């Protein structure tokens, strides 16, 4: 299957949009930009234009060709809700997700204000999950915006976690993914920061997934992502219900 992913919390990626712009501190060492710019100028490569923004309408129907049910990360190399993406194009992506109802689609955005603005203009099938990225206390408002979006599952990607966030808004949130930064310029994540979010999630009944501890040479993911002697790889409690709905069980 095309689009298979090594990202721990998904199975595959789907990128009908390419390229993005930096809007907050978590974007500073963007992995997607680093990857895309490696291929700038390589004729015929999907990223021959580097990380420049562009729509890729020929990719819209791709999930319909994938017959085995998968969890699909939407726009791992972009942001579906950035201002340059027309509402009509977003609607087309949502229509494809509704048609490909044997998959679960996981959308992640930093543009929670536009997400909230457009949410009433979109149809939200049960197989579409929506999340926002939060890297510091400054951006916790994104969770509050997310809580008002009528999706079956709402989740937070607290990655890269760059400081202690003692009061993470978790109202109407189903899932929190936490991770440290990786790569050449990785900024440190303290275990206590991740522990605090784990504890907040436990108190709020929110599923907690520790993706990676981060690091310059080893991201310390998978079985190396240990907190208090164990891995934390929970999925939303509504995950089983979503799967049953998607599969028609």
C-alpha atoms as a PDB file:
ATOM      1  CA  UNK A   1       0.000   0.000   0.000  1.00  0.00           C
ATOM      2  CA  UNK A   2       1.247   3.474  -0.867  1.00  0.00           C
ATOM      3  CA  UNK A   3       1.749   5.962   1.946  1.00  0.00           C
ATOM      4  CA  UNK A   4       2.750   3.533   4.699  1.00  0.00           C
ATOM      5  CA  UNK A   5       4.062   5.424   7.708  1.00  0.00           C
ATOM      6  CA  UNK A   6       6.565   4.856  10.500  1.00  0.00           C
ATOM      7  CA  UNK A   7       4.723   7.353  12.721  1.00  0.00           C
ATOM      8  CA  UNK A   8       3.813   5.385  15.827  1.00  0.00           C
ATOM      9  CA  UNK A   9       0.173   6.464  16.135  1.00  0.00           C
ATOM     10  CA  UNK A  10      -0.932   5.973  12.529  1.00  0.00           C
ATOM     11  CA  UNK A  11      -0.625   3.466   9.686  1.00  0.00           C
ATOM     12  CA  UNK A  12      -0.334   5.611   6.568  1.00  0.00           C
ATOM     13  CA  UNK A  13      -0.092   9.193   5.328  1.00  0.00           C
ATOM     14  CA  UNK A  14      -2.066  11.053   2.663  1.00  0.00           C
ATOM     15  CA  UNK A  15      -0.856  14.391   1.314  1.00  0.00           C
ATOM     16  CA  UNK A  16      -3.278  16.164  -1.047  1.00  0.00           C
ATOM     17  CA  UNK A  17      -1.555  19.408   0.024  1.00  0.00           C
ATOM     18  CA  UNK A  18       2.202  20.037   0.088  1.00  0.00           C
ATOM     19  CA  UNK A  19       4.156  22.777   1.771  1.00  0.00           C
ATOM     20  CA  UNK A  20       3.391  25.055   4.691  1.00  0.00           C
ATOM     21  CA  UNK A  21       4.548  28.151   6.582  1.00  0.00           C
ATOM     22  CA  UNK A  22       5.875  28.463  10.130  1.00  0.00           C
ATOM     23  CA  UNK A  23       3.470  29.995  12.641  1.00  0.00           C
ATOM     24  CA  UNK A  24       4.717  28.988  16.103  1.00  0.00           C
ATOM     25  CA  UNK A  25       7.705  27.735  18.095  1.00  0.00           C
ATOM     26  CA  UNK A  26       7.070  24.077  17.310  1.00  0.00           C
ATOM     27  CA  UNK A  27       7.639  24.824  13.622  1.00  0.00           C
ATOM     28  CA  UNK A  28      11.218  26.030  14.091  1.00  0.00           C
ATOM     29  CA  UNK A  29      12.881  22.781  13.014  1.00  0.00           C
ATOM     30  CA  UNK A  30      10.024  21.385  10.917  1.00  0.00           C
ATOM     31  CA  UNK A  31      10.740  17.781   9.881  1.00  0.00           C
ATOM     32  CA  UNK A  32       8.511  18.098   6.815  1.00  0.00           C
ATOM     33  CA  UNK A  33      10.368  21.144   5.545  1.00  0.00           C
ATOM     34  CA  UNK A  34      13.744  19.491   6.135  1.00  0.00           C
ATOM     35  CA  UNK A  35      12.652  16.428   4.188  1.00  0.00           C
ATOM     36  CA  UNK A  36      11.054  18.336   1.310  1.00  0.00           C
ATOM     37  CA  UNK A  37      13.957  20.718   0.784  1.00  0.00           C
ATOM     38  CA  UNK A  38      16.330  17.809   0.218  1.00  0.00           C
ATOM     39  CA  UNK A  39      14.610  17.245  -3.116  1.00  0.00           C
ATOM     40  CA  UNK A  40      14.245  20.812  -4.350  1.00  0.00           C
ATOM     41  CA  UNK A  41      15.241  20.878  -7.999  1.00  0.00           C
ATOM     42  CA  UNK A  42      15.022  17.114  -8.483  1.00  0.00           C
ATOM     43  CA  UNK A  43      12.884  16.911 -11.602  1.00  0.00           C
ATOM     44  CA  UNK A  44       9.871  14.633 -11.293  1.00  0.00           C
ATOM     45  CA  UNK A  45      10.153  14.211  -7.518  1.00  0.00           C
ATOM     46  CA  UNK A  46       6.994  14.982  -5.502  1.00  0.00           C
ATOM     47  CA  UNK A  47       9.009  17.687  -3.722  1.00  0.00           C
ATOM     48  CA  UNK A  48      10.930  19.096  -6.671  1.00  0.00           C
ATOM     49  CA  UNK A  49       9.621  22.489  -5.518  1.00  0.00           C
ATOM     50  CA  UNK A  50      10.825  21.877  -1.996  1.00  0.00           C
ATOM     51  CA  UNK A  51       8.413  22.966   0.710  1.00  0.00           C
ATOM     52  CA  UNK A  52       6.637  25.534  -1.446  1.00  0.00           C
ATOM     53  CA  UNK A  53       2.867  25.429  -1.016  1.00  0.00           C
ATOM     54  CA  UNK A  54       0.763  23.680  -3.614  1.00  0.00           C
ATOM     55  CA  UNK A  55      -2.452  21.726  -3.921  1.00  0.00           C
ATOM     56  CA  UNK A  56      -2.190  18.201  -5.319  1.00  0.00           C
ATOM     57  CA  UNK A  57      -5.717  17.407  -6.597  1.00  0.00           C
ATOM     58  CA  UNK A  58      -4.572  14.199  -8.283  1.00  0.00           C
ATOM     59  CA  UNK A  59      -3.882  12.800  -4.792  1.00  0.00           C
ATOM     60  CA  UNK A  60      -7.395  13.458  -3.490  1.00  0.00           C
ATOM     61  CA  UNK A  61      -8.835  10.100  -4.519  1.00  0.00           C
ATOM     62  CA  UNK A  62      -5.846   8.070  -3.306  1.00  0.00           C
ATOM     63  CA  UNK A  63      -7.447   6.614  -0.127  1.00  0.00           C
ATOM     64  CA  UNK A  64     -10.266   5.157  -2.216  1.00  0.00           C
ATOM     65  CA  UNK A  65      -7.694   2.843  -3.819  1.00  0.00           C
ATOM     66  CA  UNK A  66      -6.476   1.522  -0.459  1.00  0.00           C
ATOM     67  CA  UNK A  67      -8.830  -1.356   0.257  1.00  0.00           C
ATOM     68  CA  UNK A  68      -7.420  -2.537   3.577  1.00  0.00           C
ATOM     69  CA  UNK A  69      -8.697  -0.397   6.492  1.00  0.00           C
ATOM     70  CA  UNK A  70      -6.018   1.910   7.872  1.00  0.00           C
ATOM     71  CA  UNK A  71      -5.584   4.847  10.203  1.00  0.00           C
ATOM     72  CA  UNK A  72      -4.447   7.626   7.885  1.00  0.00           C
ATOM     73  CA  UNK A  73      -2.626  10.802   8.927  1.00  0.00           C
ATOM     74  CA  UNK A  74      -3.944  13.573   6.663  1.00  0.00           C
ATOM     75  CA  UNK A  75      -1.301  15.987   5.359  1.00  0.00           C
ATOM     76  CA  UNK A  76       1.715  14.859   7.326  1.00  0.00           C
ATOM     77  CA  UNK A  77       3.681  17.232   5.056  1.00  0.00           C
ATOM     78  CA  UNK A  78       1.365  20.222   5.328  1.00  0.00           C
ATOM     79  CA  UNK A  79      -1.666  21.664   7.156  1.00  0.00           C
ATOM     80  CA  UNK A  80      -5.119  21.236   5.638  1.00  0.00           C
ATOM     81  CA  UNK A  81      -6.423  24.327   7.435  1.00  0.00           C
ATOM     82  CA  UNK A  82      -3.763  26.842   6.431  1.00  0.00           C
ATOM     83  CA  UNK A  83      -5.201  29.989   4.860  1.00  0.00           C
ATOM     84  CA  UNK A  84      -4.016  29.155   1.343  1.00  0.00           C
ATOM     85  CA  UNK A  85      -6.167  26.020   1.149  1.00  0.00           C
ATOM     86  CA  UNK A  86      -9.582  27.001  -0.277  1.00  0.00           C
ATOM     87  CA  UNK A  87     -12.686  25.910   1.604  1.00  0.00           C
ATOM     88  CA  UNK A  88     -13.926  24.071  -1.494  1.00  0.00           C
ATOM     89  CA  UNK A  89     -10.737  22.014  -1.588  1.00  0.00           C
ATOM     90  CA  UNK A  90     -11.111  21.142   2.104  1.00  0.00           C
ATOM     91  CA  UNK A  91     -14.695  20.068   1.377  1.00  0.00           C
ATOM     92  CA  UNK A  92     -13.460  17.799  -1.409  1.00  0.00           C
ATOM     93  CA  UNK A  93     -10.995  16.160   0.991  1.00  0.00           C
ATOM     94  CA  UNK A  94     -13.781  15.646   3.533  1.00  0.00           C
ATOM     95  CA  UNK A  95     -15.999  14.109   0.857  1.00  0.00           C
ATOM     96  CA  UNK A  96     -13.272  11.594  -0.010  1.00  0.00           C
ATOM     97  CA  UNK A  97     -12.861  10.752   3.679  1.00  0.00           C
ATOM     98  CA  UNK A  98     -16.602  10.184   3.983  1.00  0.00           C
ATOM     99  CA  UNK A  99     -16.581   7.921   0.916  1.00  0.00           C
ATOM    100  CA  UNK A 100     -13.555   5.955   2.164  1.00  0.00           C
ATOM    101  CA  UNK A 101     -15.463   5.015   5.285  1.00  0.00           C
ATOM    102  CA  UNK A 102     -13.444   1.860   5.940  1.00  0.00           C
ATOM    103  CA  UNK A 103     -10.486   4.049   6.999  1.00  0.00           C
ATOM    104  CA  UNK A 104     -10.001   6.314   9.999  1.00  0.00           C
ATOM    105  CA  UNK A 105      -8.564   9.724   9.050  1.00  0.00           C
ATOM    106  CA  UNK A 106      -6.494  11.741  11.533  1.00  0.00           C
ATOM    107  CA  UNK A 107      -6.210  15.449  10.697  1.00  0.00           C
ATOM    108  CA  UNK A 108      -3.752  17.605  12.631  1.00  0.00           C
ATOM    109  CA  UNK A 109      -3.543  21.391  12.452  1.00  0.00           C
ATOM    110  CA  UNK A 110      -1.954  24.358  14.190  1.00  0.00           C
ATOM    111  CA  UNK A 111      -4.596  26.677  12.690  1.00  0.00           C
ATOM    112  CA  UNK A 112      -7.258  26.042  15.323  1.00  0.00           C
ATOM    113  CA  UNK A 113      -8.887  29.409  14.678  1.00  0.00           C
ATOM    114  CA  UNK A 114      -9.570  28.578  11.029  1.00  0.00           C
ATOM    115  CA  UNK A 115     -10.543  25.030  11.953  1.00  0.00           C
ATOM    116  CA  UNK A 116     -13.183  26.376  14.330  1.00  0.00           C
ATOM    117  CA  UNK A 117     -14.345  28.970  11.816  1.00  0.00           C
ATOM    118  CA  UNK A 118     -14.868  26.398   9.063  1.00  0.00           C
ATOM    119  CA  UNK A 119     -16.063  23.509  11.215  1.00  0.00           C
ATOM    120  CA  UNK A 120     -19.760  24.376  10.826  1.00  0.00           C
ATOM    121  CA  UNK A 121     -19.346  24.414   7.033  1.00  0.00           C
ATOM    122  CA  UNK A 122     -18.006  20.868   6.897  1.00  0.00           C
ATOM    123  CA  UNK A 123     -19.652  17.472   7.247  1.00  0.00           C
ATOM    124  CA  UNK A 124     -17.985  15.390   9.971  1.00  0.00           C
ATOM    125  CA  UNK A 125     -18.296  11.649   9.287  1.00  0.00           C
ATOM    126  CA  UNK A 126     -17.519   9.373  12.247  1.00  0.00           C
ATOM    127  CA  UNK A 127     -14.271   8.139  10.688  1.00  0.00           C
ATOM    128  CA  UNK A 128     -12.668  11.609  10.768  1.00  0.00           C
ATOM    129  CA  UNK A 129     -10.632  12.516  13.844  1.00  0.00           C
ATOM    130  CA  UNK A 130      -9.361  16.062  14.313  1.00  0.00           C
ATOM    131  CA  UNK A 131      -6.407  17.253  16.380  1.00  0.00           C
ATOM    132  CA  UNK A 132      -4.358  20.354  17.146  1.00  0.00           C
ATOM    133  CA  UNK A 133      -0.677  20.775  17.962  1.00  0.00           C
ATOM    134  CA  UNK A 134       0.360  22.382  21.244  1.00  0.00           C
ATOM    135  CA  UNK A 135       4.019  22.921  22.120  1.00  0.00           C
ATOM    136  CA  UNK A 136       3.963  25.475  24.967  1.00  0.00           C
ATOM    137  CA  UNK A 137       1.505  27.151  27.342  1.00  0.00           C
ATOM    138  CA  UNK A 138       1.079  29.972  24.824  1.00  0.00           C
ATOM    139  CA  UNK A 139      -0.807  27.696  22.442  1.00  0.00           C
ATOM    140  CA  UNK A 140      -3.169  25.917  24.818  1.00  0.00           C
ATOM    141  CA  UNK A 141      -5.997  28.036  23.379  1.00  0.00           C
ATOM    142  CA  UNK A 142      -5.899  25.641  20.420  1.00  0.00           C
ATOM    143  CA  UNK A 143      -7.353  22.917  22.620  1.00  0.00           C
ATOM    144  CA  UNK A 144     -10.228  25.189  23.607  1.00  0.00           C
ATOM    145  CA  UNK A 145     -10.960  25.874  19.943  1.00  0.00           C
ATOM    146  CA  UNK A 146     -10.787  22.159  19.200  1.00  0.00           C
ATOM    147  CA  UNK A 147     -13.236  21.306  21.980  1.00  0.00           C
ATOM    148  CA  UNK A 148     -15.989  23.100  20.035  1.00  0.00           C
ATOM    149  CA  UNK A 149     -15.481  21.157  16.786  1.00  0.00           C
ATOM    150  CA  UNK A 150     -18.150  18.467  16.149  1.00  0.00           C
ATOM    151  CA  UNK A 151     -15.822  15.548  15.400  1.00  0.00           C
ATOM    152  CA  UNK A 152     -16.180  11.981  16.674  1.00  0.00           C
ATOM    153  CA  UNK A 153     -12.673  12.067  18.190  1.00  0.00           C
ATOM    154  CA  UNK A 154     -10.655  15.143  19.197  1.00  0.00           C
ATOM    155  CA  UNK A 155      -6.970  14.827  19.991  1.00  0.00           C
ATOM    156  CA  UNK A 156      -3.905  16.844  20.952  1.00  0.00           C
ATOM    157  CA  UNK A 157      -0.408  16.433  19.577  1.00  0.00           C
ATOM    158  CA  UNK A 158       1.792  17.895  22.293  1.00  0.00           C
ATOM    159  CA  UNK A 159       4.922  17.616  20.192  1.00  0.00           C
ATOM    160  CA  UNK A 160       7.515  18.875  20.373  1.00  0.00           C
ATOM    161  CA  UNK A 161       6.817  19.475  24.050  1.00  0.00           C
ATOM    162  CA  UNK A 162       9.019  22.483  24.837  1.00  0.00           C
ATOM    163  CA  UNK A 163       8.076  23.388  28.408  1.00  0.00           C
ATOM    164  CA  UNK A 164       5.950  22.385  31.371  1.00  0.00           C
ATOM    165  CA  UNK A 165       2.238  22.810  30.618  1.00  0.00           C
ATOM    166  CA  UNK A 166       0.599  22.544  34.043  1.00  0.00           C
ATOM    167  CA  UNK A 167      -2.975  23.259  32.942  1.00  0.00           C
ATOM    168  CA  UNK A 168      -3.579  21.612  29.588  1.00  0.00           C
ATOM    169  CA  UNK A 169      -7.241  22.148  28.606  1.00  0.00           C
ATOM    170  CA  UNK A 170      -8.727  18.664  28.262  1.00  0.00           C
ATOM    171  CA  UNK A 171     -12.465  19.357  28.160  1.00  0.00           C
ATOM    172  CA  UNK A 172     -14.048  17.374  25.304  1.00  0.00           C
ATOM    173  CA  UNK A 173     -10.630  15.929  24.386  1.00  0.00           C
ATOM    174  CA  UNK A 174     -10.319  12.182  23.813  1.00  0.00           C
ATOM    175  CA  UNK A 175      -6.605  11.630  23.265  1.00  0.00           C
ATOM    176  CA  UNK A 176      -3.234  13.298  23.900  1.00  0.00           C
ATOM    177  CA  UNK A 177      -0.025  12.367  22.072  1.00  0.00           C
ATOM    178  CA  UNK A 178       3.201  13.627  23.661  1.00  0.00           C
ATOM    179  CA  UNK A 179       6.670  13.650  22.173  1.00  0.00           C
ATOM    180  CA  UNK A 180      10.064  15.266  22.463  1.00  0.00           C
ATOM    181  CA  UNK A 181      11.772  16.863  19.492  1.00  0.00           C
ATOM    182  CA  UNK A 182      14.204  14.845  17.381  1.00  0.00           C
ATOM    183  CA  UNK A 183      16.831  15.760  14.830  1.00  0.00           C
ATOM    184  CA  UNK A 184      20.043  17.735  14.615  1.00  0.00           C
ATOM    185  CA  UNK A 185      18.780  20.719  16.596  1.00  0.00           C
ATOM    186  CA  UNK A 186      16.432  18.912  18.953  1.00  0.00           C
ATOM    187  CA  UNK A 187      15.363  20.889  21.994  1.00  0.00           C
ATOM    188  CA  UNK A 188      15.250  19.016  25.294  1.00  0.00           C
ATOM    189  CA  UNK A 189      12.058  17.574  26.743  1.00  0.00           C
ATOM    190  CA  UNK A 190      12.136  16.955  30.488  1.00  0.00           C
ATOM    191  CA  UNK A 191      10.461  13.737  31.607  1.00  0.00           C
ATOM    192  CA  UNK A 192       8.615  15.673  34.283  1.00  0.00           C
ATOM    193  CA  UNK A 193       6.838  17.676  31.578  1.00  0.00           C
ATOM    194  CA  UNK A 194       5.543  14.464  29.978  1.00  0.00           C
ATOM    195  CA  UNK A 195       4.685  13.024  33.399  1.00  0.00           C
ATOM    196  CA  UNK A 196       2.594  16.087  34.210  1.00  0.00           C
ATOM    197  CA  UNK A 197       0.526  15.658  31.054  1.00  0.00           C
ATOM    198  CA  UNK A 198       0.194  11.924  31.717  1.00  0.00           C
ATOM    199  CA  UNK A 199      -1.188  12.694  35.169  1.00  0.00           C
ATOM    200  CA  UNK A 200      -3.564  15.339  33.821  1.00  0.00           C
ATOM    201  CA  UNK A 201      -4.848  12.866  31.243  1.00  0.00           C
ATOM    202  CA  UNK A 202      -5.385  10.170  33.852  1.00  0.00           C
ATOM    203  CA  UNK A 203      -7.347  12.597  36.027  1.00  0.00           C
ATOM    204  CA  UNK A 204      -9.483  13.689  33.065  1.00  0.00           C
ATOM    205  CA  UNK A 205     -10.034  10.227  31.606  1.00  0.00           C
ATOM    206  CA  UNK A 206      -8.127  11.089  28.421  1.00  0.00           C
ATOM    207  CA  UNK A 207      -6.075   8.440  26.589  1.00  0.00           C
ATOM    208  CA  UNK A 208      -2.310   9.155  26.746  1.00  0.00           C
ATOM    209  CA  UNK A 209       0.205   8.155  24.076  1.00  0.00           C
ATOM    210  CA  UNK A 210       3.921   8.829  24.624  1.00  0.00           C
ATOM    211  CA  UNK A 211       5.378   8.790  21.137  1.00  0.00           C
ATOM    212  CA  UNK A 212       9.057   9.556  21.782  1.00  0.00           C
ATOM    213  CA  UNK A 213      11.402  11.154  24.305  1.00  0.00           C
ATOM    214  CA  UNK A 214      13.341  12.945  21.563  1.00  0.00           C
ATOM    215  CA  UNK A 215      17.017  13.578  21.033  1.00  0.00           C
ATOM    216  CA  UNK A 216      19.606  14.656  18.472  1.00  0.00           C
ATOM    217  CA  UNK A 217      20.832  11.217  17.447  1.00  0.00           C
ATOM    218  CA  UNK A 218      18.117   8.868  18.715  1.00  0.00           C
ATOM    219  CA  UNK A 219      14.511   9.957  19.034  1.00  0.00           C
ATOM    220  CA  UNK A 220      14.002   7.251  21.690  1.00  0.00           C
ATOM    221  CA  UNK A 221      10.651   6.172  20.329  1.00  0.00           C
ATOM    222  CA  UNK A 222       8.811   2.863  20.386  1.00  0.00           C
ATOM    223  CA  UNK A 223       9.956   0.598  23.209  1.00  0.00           C
ATOM    224  CA  UNK A 224      12.570   3.189  24.211  1.00  0.00           C
ATOM    225  CA  UNK A 225       9.895   5.765  25.055  1.00  0.00           C
ATOM    226  CA  UNK A 226       9.697   4.853  28.709  1.00  0.00           C
ATOM    227  CA  UNK A 227       8.053   6.887  31.440  1.00  0.00           C
ATOM    228  CA  UNK A 228       8.036   5.517  34.959  1.00  0.00           C
ATOM    229  CA  UNK A 229       9.275   2.155  33.721  1.00  0.00           C
ATOM    230  CA  UNK A 230       6.757   1.501  30.975  1.00  0.00           C
ATOM    231  CA  UNK A 231       5.543   2.559  27.556  1.00  0.00           C
ATOM    232  CA  UNK A 232       2.313   4.548  27.193  1.00  0.00           C
ATOM    233  CA  UNK A 233       0.478   3.790  23.959  1.00  0.00           C
ATOM    234  CA  UNK A 234      -3.182   4.318  24.711  1.00  0.00           C
ATOM    235  CA  UNK A 235      -5.773   5.139  22.066  1.00  0.00           C
ATOM    236  CA  UNK A 236      -9.110   6.903  22.609  1.00  0.00           C
ATOM    237  CA  UNK A 237     -11.750   4.926  24.429  1.00  0.00           C
ATOM    238  CA  UNK A 238     -13.995   5.713  21.479  1.00  0.00           C
ATOM    239  CA  UNK A 239     -11.477   4.019  19.156  1.00  0.00           C
ATOM    240  CA  UNK A 240     -13.284   0.680  19.234  1.00  0.00           C
ATOM    241  CA  UNK A 241     -16.631   2.372  18.618  1.00  0.00           C
ATOM    242  CA  UNK A 242     -15.103   4.320  15.716  1.00  0.00           C
ATOM    243  CA  UNK A 243     -13.671   1.128  14.233  1.00  0.00           C
ATOM    244  CA  UNK A 244     -17.030  -0.621  14.501  1.00  0.00           C
ATOM    245  CA  UNK A 245     -18.728   2.309  12.818  1.00  0.00           C
ATOM    246  CA  UNK A 246     -16.145   2.444  10.060  1.00  0.00           C
ATOM    247  CA  UNK A 247     -16.290  -1.294   9.446  1.00  0.00           C
ATOM    248  CA  UNK A 248     -20.064  -1.467   9.740  1.00  0.00           C
ATOM    249  CA  UNK A 249     -19.949  -3.909  12.636  1.00  0.00           C
END
